[in-house]
């Protein structure tokens, strides 16, 4: 297990993250692993914890996603790559608001 994988796996000690991950695994374990790593990476890059993101109201969550897209566009990241960062965060938001 690489350092990135072990950091992401630590997120699984949180019951909400574990539940979200397990549900994603029902569709695809590969997708679940990627989404878990992306959640960890986005939290690290933007200085937020997964709990911080879970506490955002709908408007703040929307603003976070808009800011995420804008930040990656400024860095010259391709749209398809940005989408691959947004999808896991949207999934996390949907899980935490359900």
N, C-alpha and C. Protein backbone atom coordinates (compact mmCIF):
# COMPACT_ATOMS: atom_id res chain seq x y z
N UNK A 1 0.85 -1.17 0.00
CA UNK A 1 0.00 0.00 0.00
C UNK A 1 0.89 1.24 0.00
N UNK A 2 0.64 2.17 -0.91
CA UNK A 2 1.43 3.39 -0.98
C UNK A 2 1.00 4.35 0.12
N UNK A 3 1.79 5.42 0.29
CA UNK A 3 1.45 6.42 1.30
C UNK A 3 0.11 7.06 1.06
N UNK A 4 -0.21 7.34 -0.23
CA UNK A 4 -1.51 7.94 -0.56
C UNK A 4 -2.64 6.99 -0.20
N UNK A 5 -2.46 5.71 -0.49
CA UNK A 5 -3.51 4.73 -0.20
C UNK A 5 -3.71 4.60 1.31
N UNK A 6 -2.62 4.60 2.08
CA UNK A 6 -2.77 4.45 3.53
C UNK A 6 -3.44 5.67 4.14
N UNK A 7 -3.15 6.89 3.62
CA UNK A 7 -3.82 8.10 4.11
C UNK A 7 -5.31 8.03 3.82
N UNK A 8 -5.64 7.63 2.60
CA UNK A 8 -7.05 7.54 2.23
C UNK A 8 -7.76 6.47 3.06
N UNK A 9 -7.09 5.37 3.31
CA UNK A 9 -7.68 4.29 4.10
C UNK A 9 -7.96 4.74 5.53
N UNK A 10 -7.18 5.70 6.04
CA UNK A 10 -7.45 6.22 7.40
C UNK A 10 -8.81 6.90 7.46
N UNK A 11 -9.23 7.49 6.34
CA UNK A 11 -10.56 8.09 6.30
C UNK A 11 -11.64 7.07 6.62
N UNK A 12 -11.37 5.82 6.29
CA UNK A 12 -12.36 4.77 6.49
C UNK A 12 -12.63 4.47 7.96
N UNK A 13 -11.82 5.02 8.85
CA UNK A 13 -12.10 4.84 10.28
C UNK A 13 -13.32 5.65 10.71
N UNK A 14 -13.71 6.64 9.90
CA UNK A 14 -14.91 7.42 10.16
C UNK A 14 -16.11 6.61 9.66
N UNK A 15 -17.10 6.34 10.51
CA UNK A 15 -18.24 5.52 10.10
C UNK A 15 -19.00 6.08 8.90
N UNK A 16 -19.11 7.41 8.79
CA UNK A 16 -19.81 8.00 7.64
C UNK A 16 -19.04 7.76 6.35
N UNK A 17 -17.73 7.90 6.41
CA UNK A 17 -16.91 7.65 5.22
C UNK A 17 -16.98 6.17 4.86
N UNK A 18 -16.91 5.30 5.86
CA UNK A 18 -16.97 3.85 5.62
C UNK A 18 -18.30 3.48 4.95
N UNK A 19 -19.40 4.06 5.43
CA UNK A 19 -20.73 3.79 4.87
C UNK A 19 -20.80 4.25 3.42
N UNK A 20 -20.30 5.47 3.16
CA UNK A 20 -20.27 6.02 1.80
C UNK A 20 -19.43 5.13 0.88
N UNK A 21 -18.26 4.75 1.35
CA UNK A 21 -17.35 3.91 0.57
C UNK A 21 -17.98 2.55 0.28
N UNK A 22 -18.56 1.95 1.31
CA UNK A 22 -19.18 0.63 1.14
C UNK A 22 -20.32 0.69 0.13
N UNK A 23 -21.11 1.75 0.20
CA UNK A 23 -22.20 1.91 -0.76
C UNK A 23 -21.65 2.07 -2.18
N UNK A 24 -20.58 2.84 -2.35
CA UNK A 24 -19.96 2.99 -3.66
C UNK A 24 -19.42 1.66 -4.18
N UNK A 25 -18.90 0.84 -3.27
CA UNK A 25 -18.36 -0.47 -3.66
C UNK A 25 -19.44 -1.36 -4.26
N UNK A 26 -20.70 -1.15 -3.88
CA UNK A 26 -21.79 -1.92 -4.45
C UNK A 26 -21.86 -1.75 -5.96
N UNK A 27 -21.48 -0.56 -6.43
CA UNK A 27 -21.45 -0.31 -7.86
C UNK A 27 -20.12 -0.71 -8.47
N UNK A 28 -19.02 -0.25 -7.85
CA UNK A 28 -17.69 -0.54 -8.38
C UNK A 28 -16.65 -0.27 -7.29
N UNK A 29 -15.89 -1.29 -6.95
CA UNK A 29 -14.83 -1.11 -5.96
C UNK A 29 -13.77 -0.15 -6.47
N UNK A 30 -13.47 -0.20 -7.76
CA UNK A 30 -12.48 0.71 -8.34
C UNK A 30 -12.94 2.15 -8.21
N UNK A 31 -14.20 2.42 -8.54
CA UNK A 31 -14.74 3.77 -8.39
C UNK A 31 -14.69 4.21 -6.94
N UNK A 32 -15.05 3.32 -6.03
CA UNK A 32 -15.03 3.65 -4.60
C UNK A 32 -13.62 4.02 -4.16
N UNK A 33 -12.63 3.28 -4.61
CA UNK A 33 -11.24 3.58 -4.25
C UNK A 33 -10.80 4.94 -4.81
N UNK A 34 -11.16 5.21 -6.06
CA UNK A 34 -10.80 6.49 -6.68
C UNK A 34 -11.49 7.63 -5.96
N UNK A 35 -12.79 7.49 -5.67
CA UNK A 35 -13.53 8.55 -4.98
C UNK A 35 -12.94 8.80 -3.60
N UNK A 36 -12.55 7.76 -2.90
CA UNK A 36 -11.96 7.93 -1.57
C UNK A 36 -10.65 8.72 -1.68
N UNK A 37 -9.81 8.35 -2.64
CA UNK A 37 -8.54 9.08 -2.82
C UNK A 37 -8.78 10.52 -3.23
N UNK A 38 -9.77 10.74 -4.09
CA UNK A 38 -10.06 12.11 -4.53
C UNK A 38 -10.61 12.95 -3.37
N UNK A 39 -11.45 12.39 -2.55
CA UNK A 39 -11.96 13.11 -1.38
C UNK A 39 -10.80 13.54 -0.49
N UNK A 40 -9.90 12.62 -0.22
CA UNK A 40 -8.74 12.92 0.63
C UNK A 40 -7.88 14.00 0.00
N UNK A 41 -7.62 13.90 -1.30
CA UNK A 41 -6.78 14.85 -2.00
C UNK A 41 -7.39 16.25 -2.03
N UNK A 42 -8.67 16.33 -2.34
CA UNK A 42 -9.35 17.63 -2.39
C UNK A 42 -9.35 18.28 -1.01
N UNK A 43 -9.60 17.50 0.02
CA UNK A 43 -9.57 18.04 1.38
C UNK A 43 -8.20 18.60 1.70
N UNK A 44 -7.17 17.88 1.33
CA UNK A 44 -5.80 18.32 1.59
C UNK A 44 -5.47 19.60 0.81
N UNK A 45 -5.80 19.63 -0.47
CA UNK A 45 -5.50 20.78 -1.32
C UNK A 45 -6.23 22.04 -0.85
N UNK A 46 -7.48 21.88 -0.43
CA UNK A 46 -8.29 23.04 -0.05
C UNK A 46 -8.31 23.30 1.45
N UNK A 47 -7.52 22.54 2.20
CA UNK A 47 -7.41 22.78 3.64
C UNK A 47 -8.69 22.54 4.42
N UNK A 48 -9.44 21.55 3.99
CA UNK A 48 -10.69 21.18 4.65
C UNK A 48 -10.62 19.72 5.06
N UNK A 49 -11.40 19.37 6.04
CA UNK A 49 -11.55 17.96 6.38
C UNK A 49 -12.85 17.46 5.74
N UNK A 50 -12.98 16.14 5.67
CA UNK A 50 -14.24 15.60 5.13
C UNK A 50 -15.41 15.99 6.02
N UNK A 51 -15.16 16.16 7.32
CA UNK A 51 -16.23 16.61 8.23
C UNK A 51 -16.61 18.06 7.93
N UNK A 52 -15.61 18.90 7.60
CA UNK A 52 -15.90 20.29 7.23
C UNK A 52 -16.84 20.32 6.02
N UNK A 53 -16.53 19.51 5.03
CA UNK A 53 -17.36 19.47 3.83
C UNK A 53 -18.77 18.98 4.15
N UNK A 54 -18.86 18.00 5.02
CA UNK A 54 -20.17 17.43 5.38
C UNK A 54 -21.06 18.45 6.09
N UNK A 55 -20.46 19.44 6.73
CA UNK A 55 -21.23 20.44 7.48
C UNK A 55 -21.71 21.62 6.62
N UNK A 56 -21.25 21.68 5.37
CA UNK A 56 -21.63 22.80 4.52
C UNK A 56 -23.11 22.76 4.17
N UNK A 57 -23.74 23.93 4.19
CA UNK A 57 -25.12 23.99 3.70
C UNK A 57 -25.09 23.96 2.18
N UNK A 58 -26.25 23.88 1.56
CA UNK A 58 -26.33 23.71 0.10
C UNK A 58 -25.62 24.83 -0.65
N UNK A 59 -25.82 26.07 -0.25
CA UNK A 59 -25.19 27.21 -0.93
C UNK A 59 -23.67 27.16 -0.77
N UNK A 60 -23.20 26.85 0.43
CA UNK A 60 -21.75 26.78 0.67
C UNK A 60 -21.12 25.61 -0.09
N UNK A 61 -21.84 24.50 -0.18
CA UNK A 61 -21.35 23.35 -0.94
C UNK A 61 -21.24 23.71 -2.41
N UNK A 62 -22.25 24.37 -2.94
CA UNK A 62 -22.22 24.83 -4.33
C UNK A 62 -21.03 25.76 -4.55
N UNK A 63 -20.86 26.71 -3.65
CA UNK A 63 -19.75 27.66 -3.77
C UNK A 63 -18.40 26.94 -3.71
N UNK A 64 -18.29 25.93 -2.86
CA UNK A 64 -17.05 25.16 -2.78
C UNK A 64 -16.75 24.50 -4.12
N UNK A 65 -17.76 23.91 -4.74
CA UNK A 65 -17.57 23.26 -6.04
C UNK A 65 -17.19 24.27 -7.12
N UNK A 66 -17.83 25.43 -7.12
CA UNK A 66 -17.50 26.47 -8.09
C UNK A 66 -16.06 26.93 -7.89
N UNK A 67 -15.66 27.12 -6.64
CA UNK A 67 -14.29 27.52 -6.34
C UNK A 67 -13.29 26.44 -6.74
N UNK A 68 -13.64 25.18 -6.52
CA UNK A 68 -12.79 24.06 -6.91
C UNK A 68 -12.55 24.08 -8.41
N UNK A 69 -13.63 24.21 -9.18
CA UNK A 69 -13.52 24.24 -10.64
C UNK A 69 -12.65 25.42 -11.07
N UNK A 70 -12.91 26.59 -10.51
CA UNK A 70 -12.15 27.79 -10.89
C UNK A 70 -10.67 27.63 -10.57
N UNK A 71 -10.37 27.06 -9.42
CA UNK A 71 -8.96 26.88 -9.02
C UNK A 71 -8.24 25.96 -10.00
N UNK A 72 -8.87 24.88 -10.39
CA UNK A 72 -8.22 23.95 -11.32
C UNK A 72 -8.17 24.51 -12.74
N UNK A 73 -9.16 25.31 -13.13
CA UNK A 73 -9.10 25.95 -14.45
C UNK A 73 -7.91 26.92 -14.51
N UNK A 74 -7.70 27.68 -13.42
CA UNK A 74 -6.56 28.60 -13.37
C UNK A 74 -5.24 27.87 -13.50
N UNK A 75 -5.18 26.64 -13.02
CA UNK A 75 -3.97 25.83 -13.12
C UNK A 75 -3.82 25.17 -14.49
N UNK A 76 -4.82 25.32 -15.34
CA UNK A 76 -4.76 24.75 -16.68
C UNK A 76 -5.16 23.29 -16.75
N UNK A 77 -5.86 22.81 -15.73
CA UNK A 77 -6.31 21.42 -15.71
C UNK A 77 -7.45 21.25 -16.70
N UNK A 78 -7.42 20.15 -17.45
CA UNK A 78 -8.45 19.84 -18.44
C UNK A 78 -9.82 19.64 -17.78
N UNK A 79 -10.86 19.99 -18.53
CA UNK A 79 -12.23 19.87 -18.01
C UNK A 79 -12.59 18.47 -17.57
N UNK A 80 -12.16 17.46 -18.32
CA UNK A 80 -12.50 16.08 -17.97
C UNK A 80 -11.83 15.67 -16.65
N UNK A 81 -10.65 16.20 -16.40
CA UNK A 81 -9.97 15.91 -15.14
C UNK A 81 -10.67 16.62 -13.99
N UNK A 82 -11.06 17.86 -14.22
CA UNK A 82 -11.80 18.60 -13.19
C UNK A 82 -13.08 17.86 -12.84
N UNK A 83 -13.76 17.36 -13.86
CA UNK A 83 -15.00 16.60 -13.63
C UNK A 83 -14.72 15.40 -12.74
N UNK A 84 -13.57 14.77 -12.93
CA UNK A 84 -13.23 13.60 -12.11
C UNK A 84 -12.92 13.98 -10.67
N UNK A 85 -12.67 15.26 -10.41
CA UNK A 85 -12.50 15.76 -9.04
C UNK A 85 -13.85 16.15 -8.44
N UNK A 86 -14.72 16.70 -9.27
CA UNK A 86 -16.02 17.19 -8.80
C UNK A 86 -16.96 16.04 -8.43
N UNK A 87 -16.98 14.99 -9.25
CA UNK A 87 -17.93 13.89 -9.03
C UNK A 87 -17.82 13.25 -7.64
N UNK A 88 -16.63 12.96 -7.15
CA UNK A 88 -16.56 12.37 -5.81
C UNK A 88 -17.03 13.32 -4.71
N UNK A 89 -16.76 14.62 -4.88
CA UNK A 89 -17.17 15.59 -3.87
C UNK A 89 -18.69 15.73 -3.89
N UNK A 90 -19.28 15.76 -5.07
CA UNK A 90 -20.74 15.79 -5.16
C UNK A 90 -21.34 14.55 -4.51
N UNK A 91 -20.72 13.41 -4.75
CA UNK A 91 -21.19 12.16 -4.15
C UNK A 91 -21.12 12.25 -2.63
N UNK A 92 -20.01 12.79 -2.11
CA UNK A 92 -19.86 12.95 -0.66
C UNK A 92 -20.93 13.88 -0.12
N UNK A 93 -21.16 15.02 -0.81
CA UNK A 93 -22.21 15.96 -0.38
C UNK A 93 -23.57 15.27 -0.36
N UNK A 94 -23.89 14.52 -1.39
CA UNK A 94 -25.18 13.84 -1.43
C UNK A 94 -25.31 12.82 -0.29
N UNK A 95 -24.24 12.13 0.00
CA UNK A 95 -24.27 11.15 1.08
C UNK A 95 -24.50 11.81 2.44
N UNK A 96 -23.83 12.94 2.66
CA UNK A 96 -23.90 13.59 3.98
C UNK A 96 -25.16 14.39 4.19
N UNK A 97 -25.90 14.66 3.11
CA UNK A 97 -27.15 15.40 3.27
C UNK A 97 -28.37 14.49 3.22
N UNK A 98 -28.16 13.22 2.99
CA UNK A 98 -29.28 12.27 2.89
C UNK A 98 -29.75 11.83 4.25
